[in-house]
Protein backbone atom coordinates (compact mmCIF):
# COMPACT_ATOMS: atom_id res chain seq x y z
CA UNK A 1 0.00 0.00 0.00
CA UNK A 2 2.94 2.40 0.28
CA UNK A 3 2.72 2.86 -3.52
CA UNK A 4 -0.31 5.09 -2.90
CA UNK A 5 1.46 7.19 -0.25
CA UNK A 6 4.49 7.55 -2.50
CA UNK A 7 2.31 8.53 -5.48
CA UNK A 8 0.55 11.14 -3.36
CA UNK A 9 3.92 12.55 -2.25
CA UNK A 10 5.09 12.78 -5.86
CA UNK A 11 1.94 14.66 -6.88
CA UNK A 12 2.14 17.00 -3.89
CA UNK A 13 5.81 17.74 -4.66
CA UNK A 14 5.06 18.32 -8.33
CA UNK A 15 2.25 20.74 -7.48
CA UNK A 16 4.48 22.53 -4.96
CA UNK A 17 7.34 22.92 -7.44
CA UNK A 18 4.92 23.98 -10.18
CA UNK A 19 3.67 26.73 -7.89
CA UNK A 20 7.23 27.88 -7.24
CA UNK A 21 7.76 28.04 -11.02
CA UNK A 22 4.49 30.01 -11.40
CA UNK A 23 2.80 27.16 -13.30
CA UNK A 24 -0.95 27.11 -12.75
CA UNK A 25 -1.62 23.76 -14.41
CA UNK A 26 0.68 20.81 -14.78
CA UNK A 27 0.61 19.14 -18.19
CA UNK A 28 3.41 16.62 -17.76
CA UNK A 29 5.65 15.46 -14.94
CA UNK A 30 8.71 13.29 -15.42
CA UNK A 31 9.15 10.69 -12.69
CA UNK A 32 12.48 8.91 -12.30
CA UNK A 33 11.84 5.45 -10.87
CA UNK A 34 14.85 3.55 -9.54
CA UNK A 35 15.31 0.00 -10.80
CA UNK A 36 15.88 -1.08 -7.19
CA UNK A 37 12.86 0.77 -5.81
CA UNK A 38 10.97 -1.75 -3.75
CA UNK A 39 7.46 -0.95 -4.94
CA UNK A 40 5.14 -2.26 -7.61
CA UNK A 41 5.46 0.06 -10.60
CA UNK A 42 2.02 -0.79 -12.00
CA UNK A 43 0.28 0.01 -8.72
CA UNK A 44 2.34 3.20 -8.39
CA UNK A 45 1.34 4.30 -11.93
CA UNK A 46 -2.31 3.51 -11.24
CA UNK A 47 -2.17 5.47 -7.97
CA UNK A 48 -0.71 8.51 -9.77
CA UNK A 49 -3.58 8.44 -12.27
CA UNK A 50 -6.24 8.03 -9.60
CA UNK A 51 -4.88 10.54 -7.06
CA UNK A 52 -4.15 13.39 -9.47
CA UNK A 53 -7.87 14.30 -9.52
CA UNK A 54 -7.55 15.41 -5.88
CA UNK A 55 -5.14 18.18 -6.90
CA UNK A 56 -6.66 20.82 -9.21
CA UNK A 57 -3.26 21.86 -10.64
CA UNK A 58 -2.46 18.22 -11.52
CA UNK A 59 -5.90 17.06 -12.67
CA UNK A 60 -4.86 16.78 -16.36
CA UNK A 61 -1.21 15.96 -15.75
CA UNK A 62 0.41 13.01 -17.52
CA UNK A 63 3.09 11.23 -15.54
CA UNK A 64 5.97 9.93 -17.67
CA UNK A 65 7.89 7.30 -15.74
CA UNK A 66 11.48 6.54 -16.68
CA UNK A 67 13.34 3.69 -15.02
CA UNK A 68 16.78 4.63 -13.71
CA UNK A 69 19.11 1.62 -14.06
CA UNK A 70 20.90 0.50 -10.92
CA UNK A 71 24.60 1.26 -10.60
CA UNK A 72 27.10 0.61 -7.84
CA UNK A 73 30.30 2.45 -6.86
CA UNK A 74 33.20 0.48 -5.42
CA UNK A 75 34.52 1.98 -2.19
CA UNK A 76 37.97 0.44 -2.78
CA UNK A 77 38.73 1.63 -6.33
CA UNK A 78 35.84 4.08 -7.11
CA UNK A 79 34.85 2.06 -10.19
CA UNK A 80 31.16 2.45 -11.04
CA UNK A 81 29.40 -0.57 -12.47
CA UNK A 82 25.83 -1.44 -13.48
CA UNK A 83 23.68 -4.21 -12.10
CA UNK A 84 22.73 -5.22 -15.61
CA UNK A 85 25.16 -7.62 -17.19
CA UNK A 86 26.73 -8.94 -13.99
CA UNK A 87 26.57 -12.72 -13.89
CA UNK A 88 23.94 -13.78 -11.40
CA UNK A 89 21.17 -16.33 -11.21
CA UNK A 90 17.50 -15.44 -11.49
CA UNK A 91 17.10 -15.95 -7.73
CA UNK A 92 20.04 -13.66 -6.95
CA UNK A 93 18.64 -10.95 -9.23
CA UNK A 94 15.27 -11.22 -7.48
CA UNK A 95 16.88 -10.96 -4.03
CA UNK A 96 18.78 -7.83 -5.11
CA UNK A 97 15.66 -6.19 -6.51
CA UNK A 98 13.62 -6.86 -3.36
CA UNK A 99 16.40 -6.10 -0.87
CA UNK A 100 19.14 -4.07 -2.61
CA UNK A 101 21.50 -4.52 0.32
CA UNK A 102 21.62 -8.22 -0.68
CA UNK A 103 23.84 -7.16 -3.58
CA UNK A 104 26.81 -7.39 -1.21
CA UNK A 105 26.11 -11.08 -0.78
CA UNK A 106 26.18 -11.86 -4.50
CA UNK A 107 28.24 -9.20 -6.27
CA UNK A 108 31.82 -7.91 -6.30
CA UNK A 109 33.40 -5.02 -8.12
CA UNK A 110 34.23 -6.32 -11.60
CA UNK A 111 37.45 -4.27 -11.62
CA UNK A 112 39.10 -5.04 -8.26
CA UNK A 113 36.82 -7.83 -6.92
CA UNK A 114 36.05 -5.96 -3.71
CA UNK A 115 32.67 -6.69 -2.09
CA UNK A 116 32.70 -3.17 -0.56
CA UNK A 117 30.50 -0.94 -2.71
CA UNK A 118 27.53 1.40 -2.41
CA UNK A 119 24.41 1.96 -4.47
CA UNK A 120 25.17 4.96 -6.69
CA UNK A 121 21.94 5.09 -8.71
CA UNK A 122 18.69 3.27 -9.22
CA UNK A 123 17.07 3.63 -5.86
CA UNK A 124 14.18 5.88 -4.96
CA UNK A 125 11.66 7.95 -6.86
CA UNK A 126 12.16 11.57 -7.90
CA UNK A 127 10.74 14.23 -10.19
CA UNK A 128 12.96 14.85 -13.22
CA UNK A 129 10.98 17.66 -14.93
CA UNK A 130 7.72 19.60 -14.98
CA UNK A 131 5.79 21.02 -17.93
CA UNK A 132 2.77 23.21 -17.52
CA UNK A 133 0.87 26.43 -18.19
CA UNK A 134 1.68 29.78 -16.62
C-alpha atoms as a PDB file:
ATOM      1  CA  UNK A   1       0.000   0.000   0.000  1.00  0.00           C
ATOM      2  CA  UNK A   2       2.938   2.399   0.284  1.00  0.00           C
ATOM      3  CA  UNK A   3       2.719   2.860  -3.518  1.00  0.00           C
ATOM      4  CA  UNK A   4      -0.312   5.087  -2.898  1.00  0.00           C
ATOM      5  CA  UNK A   5       1.456   7.190  -0.252  1.00  0.00           C
ATOM      6  CA  UNK A   6       4.492   7.549  -2.503  1.00  0.00           C
ATOM      7  CA  UNK A   7       2.310   8.531  -5.476  1.00  0.00           C
ATOM      8  CA  UNK A   8       0.550  11.140  -3.357  1.00  0.00           C
ATOM      9  CA  UNK A   9       3.923  12.547  -2.247  1.00  0.00           C
ATOM     10  CA  UNK A  10       5.093  12.778  -5.863  1.00  0.00           C
ATOM     11  CA  UNK A  11       1.939  14.657  -6.881  1.00  0.00           C
ATOM     12  CA  UNK A  12       2.144  17.005  -3.889  1.00  0.00           C
ATOM     13  CA  UNK A  13       5.811  17.738  -4.657  1.00  0.00           C
ATOM     14  CA  UNK A  14       5.058  18.317  -8.334  1.00  0.00           C
ATOM     15  CA  UNK A  15       2.248  20.744  -7.479  1.00  0.00           C
ATOM     16  CA  UNK A  16       4.477  22.533  -4.956  1.00  0.00           C
ATOM     17  CA  UNK A  17       7.344  22.917  -7.441  1.00  0.00           C
ATOM     18  CA  UNK A  18       4.925  23.979 -10.178  1.00  0.00           C
ATOM     19  CA  UNK A  19       3.667  26.733  -7.890  1.00  0.00           C
ATOM     20  CA  UNK A  20       7.234  27.883  -7.242  1.00  0.00           C
ATOM     21  CA  UNK A  21       7.758  28.043 -11.022  1.00  0.00           C
ATOM     22  CA  UNK A  22       4.493  30.006 -11.404  1.00  0.00           C
ATOM     23  CA  UNK A  23       2.804  27.156 -13.299  1.00  0.00           C
ATOM     24  CA  UNK A  24      -0.954  27.107 -12.750  1.00  0.00           C
ATOM     25  CA  UNK A  25      -1.621  23.759 -14.405  1.00  0.00           C
ATOM     26  CA  UNK A  26       0.680  20.806 -14.783  1.00  0.00           C
ATOM     27  CA  UNK A  27       0.610  19.143 -18.193  1.00  0.00           C
ATOM     28  CA  UNK A  28       3.410  16.622 -17.756  1.00  0.00           C
ATOM     29  CA  UNK A  29       5.649  15.461 -14.945  1.00  0.00           C
ATOM     30  CA  UNK A  30       8.711  13.294 -15.419  1.00  0.00           C
ATOM     31  CA  UNK A  31       9.147  10.690 -12.692  1.00  0.00           C
ATOM     32  CA  UNK A  32      12.478   8.912 -12.305  1.00  0.00           C
ATOM     33  CA  UNK A  33      11.840   5.445 -10.867  1.00  0.00           C
ATOM     34  CA  UNK A  34      14.854   3.549  -9.538  1.00  0.00           C
ATOM     35  CA  UNK A  35      15.310  -0.004 -10.799  1.00  0.00           C
ATOM     36  CA  UNK A  36      15.875  -1.080  -7.186  1.00  0.00           C
ATOM     37  CA  UNK A  37      12.862   0.770  -5.807  1.00  0.00           C
ATOM     38  CA  UNK A  38      10.971  -1.753  -3.749  1.00  0.00           C
ATOM     39  CA  UNK A  39       7.458  -0.952  -4.940  1.00  0.00           C
ATOM     40  CA  UNK A  40       5.138  -2.264  -7.614  1.00  0.00           C
ATOM     41  CA  UNK A  41       5.465   0.063 -10.605  1.00  0.00           C
ATOM     42  CA  UNK A  42       2.016  -0.787 -12.004  1.00  0.00           C
ATOM     43  CA  UNK A  43       0.277   0.010  -8.721  1.00  0.00           C
ATOM     44  CA  UNK A  44       2.342   3.196  -8.394  1.00  0.00           C
ATOM     45  CA  UNK A  45       1.343   4.305 -11.934  1.00  0.00           C
ATOM     46  CA  UNK A  46      -2.306   3.511 -11.238  1.00  0.00           C
ATOM     47  CA  UNK A  47      -2.167   5.466  -7.971  1.00  0.00           C
ATOM     48  CA  UNK A  48      -0.712   8.505  -9.773  1.00  0.00           C
ATOM     49  CA  UNK A  49      -3.577   8.440 -12.273  1.00  0.00           C
ATOM     50  CA  UNK A  50      -6.237   8.030  -9.599  1.00  0.00           C
ATOM     51  CA  UNK A  51      -4.885  10.535  -7.064  1.00  0.00           C
ATOM     52  CA  UNK A  52      -4.146  13.394  -9.470  1.00  0.00           C
ATOM     53  CA  UNK A  53      -7.868  14.300  -9.520  1.00  0.00           C
ATOM     54  CA  UNK A  54      -7.549  15.411  -5.876  1.00  0.00           C
ATOM     55  CA  UNK A  55      -5.142  18.179  -6.899  1.00  0.00           C
ATOM     56  CA  UNK A  56      -6.659  20.824  -9.211  1.00  0.00           C
ATOM     57  CA  UNK A  57      -3.263  21.860 -10.637  1.00  0.00           C
ATOM     58  CA  UNK A  58      -2.457  18.219 -11.521  1.00  0.00           C
ATOM     59  CA  UNK A  59      -5.897  17.059 -12.666  1.00  0.00           C
ATOM     60  CA  UNK A  60      -4.860  16.780 -16.359  1.00  0.00           C
ATOM     61  CA  UNK A  61      -1.210  15.963 -15.751  1.00  0.00           C
ATOM     62  CA  UNK A  62       0.405  13.009 -17.522  1.00  0.00           C
ATOM     63  CA  UNK A  63       3.094  11.233 -15.545  1.00  0.00           C
ATOM     64  CA  UNK A  64       5.966   9.926 -17.665  1.00  0.00           C
ATOM     65  CA  UNK A  65       7.885   7.297 -15.735  1.00  0.00           C
ATOM     66  CA  UNK A  66      11.480   6.544 -16.678  1.00  0.00           C
ATOM     67  CA  UNK A  67      13.339   3.695 -15.016  1.00  0.00           C
ATOM     68  CA  UNK A  68      16.782   4.630 -13.706  1.00  0.00           C
ATOM     69  CA  UNK A  69      19.110   1.622 -14.060  1.00  0.00           C
ATOM     70  CA  UNK A  70      20.897   0.497 -10.922  1.00  0.00           C
ATOM     71  CA  UNK A  71      24.595   1.262 -10.599  1.00  0.00           C
ATOM     72  CA  UNK A  72      27.096   0.614  -7.836  1.00  0.00           C
ATOM     73  CA  UNK A  73      30.297   2.453  -6.859  1.00  0.00           C
ATOM     74  CA  UNK A  74      33.204   0.483  -5.422  1.00  0.00           C
ATOM     75  CA  UNK A  75      34.523   1.976  -2.191  1.00  0.00           C
ATOM     76  CA  UNK A  76      37.971   0.442  -2.777  1.00  0.00           C
ATOM     77  CA  UNK A  77      38.726   1.627  -6.333  1.00  0.00           C
ATOM     78  CA  UNK A  78      35.837   4.080  -7.114  1.00  0.00           C
ATOM     79  CA  UNK A  79      34.848   2.055 -10.193  1.00  0.00           C
ATOM     80  CA  UNK A  80      31.163   2.452 -11.041  1.00  0.00           C
ATOM     81  CA  UNK A  81      29.403  -0.573 -12.466  1.00  0.00           C
ATOM     82  CA  UNK A  82      25.829  -1.435 -13.478  1.00  0.00           C
ATOM     83  CA  UNK A  83      23.685  -4.209 -12.097  1.00  0.00           C
ATOM     84  CA  UNK A  84      22.726  -5.222 -15.608  1.00  0.00           C
ATOM     85  CA  UNK A  85      25.160  -7.623 -17.187  1.00  0.00           C
ATOM     86  CA  UNK A  86      26.727  -8.945 -13.991  1.00  0.00           C
ATOM     87  CA  UNK A  87      26.573 -12.719 -13.890  1.00  0.00           C
ATOM     88  CA  UNK A  88      23.936 -13.779 -11.403  1.00  0.00           C
ATOM     89  CA  UNK A  89      21.169 -16.327 -11.207  1.00  0.00           C
ATOM     90  CA  UNK A  90      17.504 -15.442 -11.494  1.00  0.00           C
ATOM     91  CA  UNK A  91      17.098 -15.954  -7.732  1.00  0.00           C
ATOM     92  CA  UNK A  92      20.038 -13.661  -6.953  1.00  0.00           C
ATOM     93  CA  UNK A  93      18.635 -10.946  -9.228  1.00  0.00           C
ATOM     94  CA  UNK A  94      15.272 -11.224  -7.477  1.00  0.00           C
ATOM     95  CA  UNK A  95      16.884 -10.964  -4.027  1.00  0.00           C
ATOM     96  CA  UNK A  96      18.784  -7.834  -5.107  1.00  0.00           C
ATOM     97  CA  UNK A  97      15.658  -6.193  -6.511  1.00  0.00           C
ATOM     98  CA  UNK A  98      13.616  -6.859  -3.359  1.00  0.00           C
ATOM     99  CA  UNK A  99      16.396  -6.103  -0.870  1.00  0.00           C
ATOM    100  CA  UNK A 100      19.141  -4.069  -2.609  1.00  0.00           C
ATOM    101  CA  UNK A 101      21.504  -4.524   0.323  1.00  0.00           C
ATOM    102  CA  UNK A 102      21.625  -8.221  -0.676  1.00  0.00           C
ATOM    103  CA  UNK A 103      23.840  -7.163  -3.583  1.00  0.00           C
ATOM    104  CA  UNK A 104      26.808  -7.387  -1.206  1.00  0.00           C
ATOM    105  CA  UNK A 105      26.109 -11.080  -0.776  1.00  0.00           C
ATOM    106  CA  UNK A 106      26.177 -11.865  -4.495  1.00  0.00           C
ATOM    107  CA  UNK A 107      28.244  -9.196  -6.266  1.00  0.00           C
ATOM    108  CA  UNK A 108      31.815  -7.909  -6.297  1.00  0.00           C
ATOM    109  CA  UNK A 109      33.405  -5.019  -8.121  1.00  0.00           C
ATOM    110  CA  UNK A 110      34.228  -6.316 -11.604  1.00  0.00           C
ATOM    111  CA  UNK A 111      37.452  -4.266 -11.624  1.00  0.00           C
ATOM    112  CA  UNK A 112      39.100  -5.043  -8.257  1.00  0.00           C
ATOM    113  CA  UNK A 113      36.824  -7.835  -6.923  1.00  0.00           C
ATOM    114  CA  UNK A 114      36.053  -5.964  -3.708  1.00  0.00           C
ATOM    115  CA  UNK A 115      32.670  -6.688  -2.091  1.00  0.00           C
ATOM    116  CA  UNK A 116      32.704  -3.173  -0.561  1.00  0.00           C
ATOM    117  CA  UNK A 117      30.504  -0.937  -2.706  1.00  0.00           C
ATOM    118  CA  UNK A 118      27.531   1.398  -2.411  1.00  0.00           C
ATOM    119  CA  UNK A 119      24.406   1.959  -4.470  1.00  0.00           C
ATOM    120  CA  UNK A 120      25.172   4.960  -6.691  1.00  0.00           C
ATOM    121  CA  UNK A 121      21.937   5.095  -8.710  1.00  0.00           C
ATOM    122  CA  UNK A 122      18.693   3.269  -9.216  1.00  0.00           C
ATOM    123  CA  UNK A 123      17.069   3.635  -5.859  1.00  0.00           C
ATOM    124  CA  UNK A 124      14.180   5.880  -4.963  1.00  0.00           C
ATOM    125  CA  UNK A 125      11.659   7.948  -6.859  1.00  0.00           C
ATOM    126  CA  UNK A 126      12.164  11.572  -7.905  1.00  0.00           C
ATOM    127  CA  UNK A 127      10.745  14.227 -10.191  1.00  0.00           C
ATOM    128  CA  UNK A 128      12.958  14.855 -13.220  1.00  0.00           C
ATOM    129  CA  UNK A 129      10.985  17.657 -14.927  1.00  0.00           C
ATOM    130  CA  UNK A 130       7.723  19.596 -14.976  1.00  0.00           C
ATOM    131  CA  UNK A 131       5.790  21.018 -17.932  1.00  0.00           C
ATOM    132  CA  UNK A 132       2.775  23.212 -17.521  1.00  0.00           C
ATOM    133  CA  UNK A 133       0.867  26.434 -18.195  1.00  0.00           C
ATOM    134  CA  UNK A 134       1.685  29.783 -16.618  1.00  0.00           C
END
